[in-house]
Amino acid sequence: MEEIVYNEAINKGQTECIICKETFIEDEENIHITECGHYFHWDCIKEWRKKKNLCPLCLRELKTFWPKEVEKLNKKMKNSGLVKVGIEEMFKLK
């Protein structure tokens, strides 16, 4: 999966995280794509969003997003019947 995200970023001409200016590395697990189609290191965009809720490249508003691993875990939790709320709801309660 990491290779797919990396290849998508490279094919779209985005070879580095615009926030930290570091080049994306093949097989890197830390690459995240926003809903506006831009790629960043997960840690970089997570910290960026604490200050601004806009994409650093196109300035579109960023909606709440979760890494794919969290989405999968959330689905498993809800389907298990062991919890009544998913991760999104727990996060909103804080």
C-alpha atoms as a PDB file:
ATOM      1  CA  MET A   1       0.000   0.000   0.000  1.00  0.00           C
ATOM      2  CA  GLU A   2       2.811   2.417   0.851  1.00  0.00           C
ATOM      3  CA  GLU A   3       4.314   1.880  -2.607  1.00  0.00           C
ATOM      4  CA  ILE A   4       0.973   2.753  -4.238  1.00  0.00           C
ATOM      5  CA  VAL A   5       0.714   6.056  -2.341  1.00  0.00           C
ATOM      6  CA  TYR A   6       4.350   6.853  -3.097  1.00  0.00           C
ATOM      7  CA  ASN A   7       3.865   6.100  -6.807  1.00  0.00           C
ATOM      8  CA  GLU A   8       0.712   8.245  -6.923  1.00  0.00           C
ATOM      9  CA  ALA A   9       2.580  11.185  -5.404  1.00  0.00           C
ATOM     10  CA  ILE A  10       5.526  10.819  -7.780  1.00  0.00           C
ATOM     11  CA  ASN A  11       3.235  10.422 -10.823  1.00  0.00           C
ATOM     12  CA  LYS A  12       1.488  13.662  -9.867  1.00  0.00           C
ATOM     13  CA  GLY A  13       4.845  15.428  -9.647  1.00  0.00           C
ATOM     14  CA  GLN A  14       4.877  15.776  -5.870  1.00  0.00           C
ATOM     15  CA  THR A  15       8.251  14.384  -4.820  1.00  0.00           C
ATOM     16  CA  GLU A  16       8.511  16.000  -1.396  1.00  0.00           C
ATOM     17  CA  CYS A  17       6.448  16.978   1.602  1.00  0.00           C
ATOM     18  CA  ILE A  18       5.861  20.694   1.152  1.00  0.00           C
ATOM     19  CA  ILE A  19       5.782  21.208   4.928  1.00  0.00           C
ATOM     20  CA  CYS A  20       9.160  19.706   5.921  1.00  0.00           C
ATOM     21  CA  LYS A  21      10.697  19.843   2.405  1.00  0.00           C
ATOM     22  CA  GLU A  22      11.979  16.252   2.725  1.00  0.00           C
ATOM     23  CA  THR A  23      11.839  14.002  -0.340  1.00  0.00           C
ATOM     24  CA  PHE A  24       9.353  11.145  -0.166  1.00  0.00           C
ATOM     25  CA  ILE A  25      11.035   7.750   0.116  1.00  0.00           C
ATOM     26  CA  GLU A  26       9.722   4.647  -1.650  1.00  0.00           C
ATOM     27  CA  ASP A  27       7.972   2.208   0.742  1.00  0.00           C
ATOM     28  CA  GLU A  28       7.578   5.019   3.272  1.00  0.00           C
ATOM     29  CA  GLU A  29       4.588   4.345   5.524  1.00  0.00           C
ATOM     30  CA  ASN A  30       4.187   7.953   6.588  1.00  0.00           C
ATOM     31  CA  ILE A  31       2.752   9.482   3.369  1.00  0.00           C
ATOM     32  CA  HIS A  32      -0.822  10.793   3.635  1.00  0.00           C
ATOM     33  CA  ILE A  33      -3.088  12.165   0.911  1.00  0.00           C
ATOM     34  CA  THR A  34      -5.627  14.870   1.691  1.00  0.00           C
ATOM     35  CA  GLU A  35      -9.108  15.030   0.164  1.00  0.00           C
ATOM     36  CA  CYS A  36      -7.824  17.751  -2.186  1.00  0.00           C
ATOM     37  CA  GLY A  37      -5.261  15.296  -3.583  1.00  0.00           C
ATOM     38  CA  HIS A  38      -2.021  16.572  -2.069  1.00  0.00           C
ATOM     39  CA  TYR A  39       0.581  14.417  -0.335  1.00  0.00           C
ATOM     40  CA  PHE A  40       2.335  15.096   2.968  1.00  0.00           C
ATOM     41  CA  HIS A  41       4.090  13.185   5.701  1.00  0.00           C
ATOM     42  CA  TRP A  42       1.394  12.186   8.202  1.00  0.00           C
ATOM     43  CA  ASP A  43       3.280  13.713  11.140  1.00  0.00           C
ATOM     44  CA  CYS A  44       3.769  16.982   9.236  1.00  0.00           C
ATOM     45  CA  ILE A  45       0.125  17.450   8.193  1.00  0.00           C
ATOM     46  CA  LYS A  46      -1.074  16.412  11.656  1.00  0.00           C
ATOM     47  CA  GLU A  47       1.020  19.185  13.269  1.00  0.00           C
ATOM     48  CA  TRP A  48       0.088  21.664  10.511  1.00  0.00           C
ATOM     49  CA  ARG A  49      -3.610  21.106  11.201  1.00  0.00           C
ATOM     50  CA  LYS A  50      -3.155  22.104  14.827  1.00  0.00           C
ATOM     51  CA  LYS A  51      -2.312  25.608  13.564  1.00  0.00           C
ATOM     52  CA  LYS A  52      -4.283  25.889  10.318  1.00  0.00           C
ATOM     53  CA  ASN A  53      -7.138  23.898   8.877  1.00  0.00           C
ATOM     54  CA  LEU A  54      -6.146  24.652   5.280  1.00  0.00           C
ATOM     55  CA  CYS A  55      -4.138  22.632   2.792  1.00  0.00           C
ATOM     56  CA  PRO A  56      -0.607  24.108   2.636  1.00  0.00           C
ATOM     57  CA  LEU A  57      -0.661  23.854  -1.180  1.00  0.00           C
ATOM     58  CA  CYS A  58      -4.128  24.876  -2.386  1.00  0.00           C
ATOM     59  CA  LEU A  59      -5.518  26.473   0.806  1.00  0.00           C
ATOM     60  CA  ARG A  60      -8.711  24.391   0.680  1.00  0.00           C
ATOM     61  CA  GLU A  61     -10.315  23.688   4.011  1.00  0.00           C
ATOM     62  CA  LEU A  62      -9.263  20.300   5.359  1.00  0.00           C
ATOM     63  CA  LYS A  63     -12.046  18.191   6.764  1.00  0.00           C
ATOM     64  CA  THR A  64     -11.473  15.686   9.529  1.00  0.00           C
ATOM     65  CA  PHE A  65      -9.465  12.793   8.194  1.00  0.00           C
ATOM     66  CA  TRP A  66      -8.151   9.583   9.635  1.00  0.00           C
ATOM     67  CA  PRO A  67      -5.278   7.423   8.491  1.00  0.00           C
ATOM     68  CA  LYS A  68      -6.426   4.250   6.772  1.00  0.00           C
ATOM     69  CA  GLU A  69      -5.311   2.120   9.722  1.00  0.00           C
ATOM     70  CA  VAL A  70      -7.640   4.059  12.039  1.00  0.00           C
ATOM     71  CA  GLU A  71     -10.541   3.698   9.612  1.00  0.00           C
ATOM     72  CA  LYS A  72     -10.031  -0.090   9.470  1.00  0.00           C
ATOM     73  CA  LEU A  73      -9.802  -0.348  13.264  1.00  0.00           C
ATOM     74  CA  ASN A  74     -12.902   1.820  13.666  1.00  0.00           C
ATOM     75  CA  LYS A  75     -14.904  -0.449  11.357  1.00  0.00           C
ATOM     76  CA  LYS A  76     -13.759  -3.548  13.266  1.00  0.00           C
ATOM     77  CA  MET A  77     -14.687  -1.935  16.596  1.00  0.00           C
ATOM     78  CA  LYS A  78     -18.173  -0.991  15.433  1.00  0.00           C
ATOM     79  CA  ASN A  79     -18.776  -4.411  13.865  1.00  0.00           C
ATOM     80  CA  SER A  80     -17.584  -6.276  16.971  1.00  0.00           C
ATOM     81  CA  GLY A  81     -20.525  -5.087  19.060  1.00  0.00           C
ATOM     82  CA  LEU A  82     -18.161  -4.555  22.001  1.00  0.00           C
ATOM     83  CA  VAL A  83     -18.306  -0.761  21.744  1.00  0.00           C
ATOM     84  CA  LYS A  84     -21.156   1.625  21.028  1.00  0.00           C
ATOM     85  CA  VAL A  85     -19.061   4.452  19.590  1.00  0.00           C
ATOM     86  CA  GLY A  86     -16.258   4.454  17.068  1.00  0.00           C
ATOM     87  CA  ILE A  87     -12.946   6.258  17.206  1.00  0.00           C
ATOM     88  CA  GLU A  88     -14.410   9.407  15.596  1.00  0.00           C
ATOM     89  CA  GLU A  89     -17.018   9.731  18.314  1.00  0.00           C
ATOM     90  CA  MET A  90     -14.457   9.128  21.073  1.00  0.00           C
ATOM     91  CA  PHE A  91     -12.222  11.814  19.588  1.00  0.00           C
ATOM     92  CA  LYS A  92     -15.095  14.329  19.470  1.00  0.00           C
ATOM     93  CA  LEU A  93     -15.883  13.719  23.142  1.00  0.00           C
ATOM     94  CA  LYS A  94     -12.513  15.082  24.255  1.00  0.00           C
END
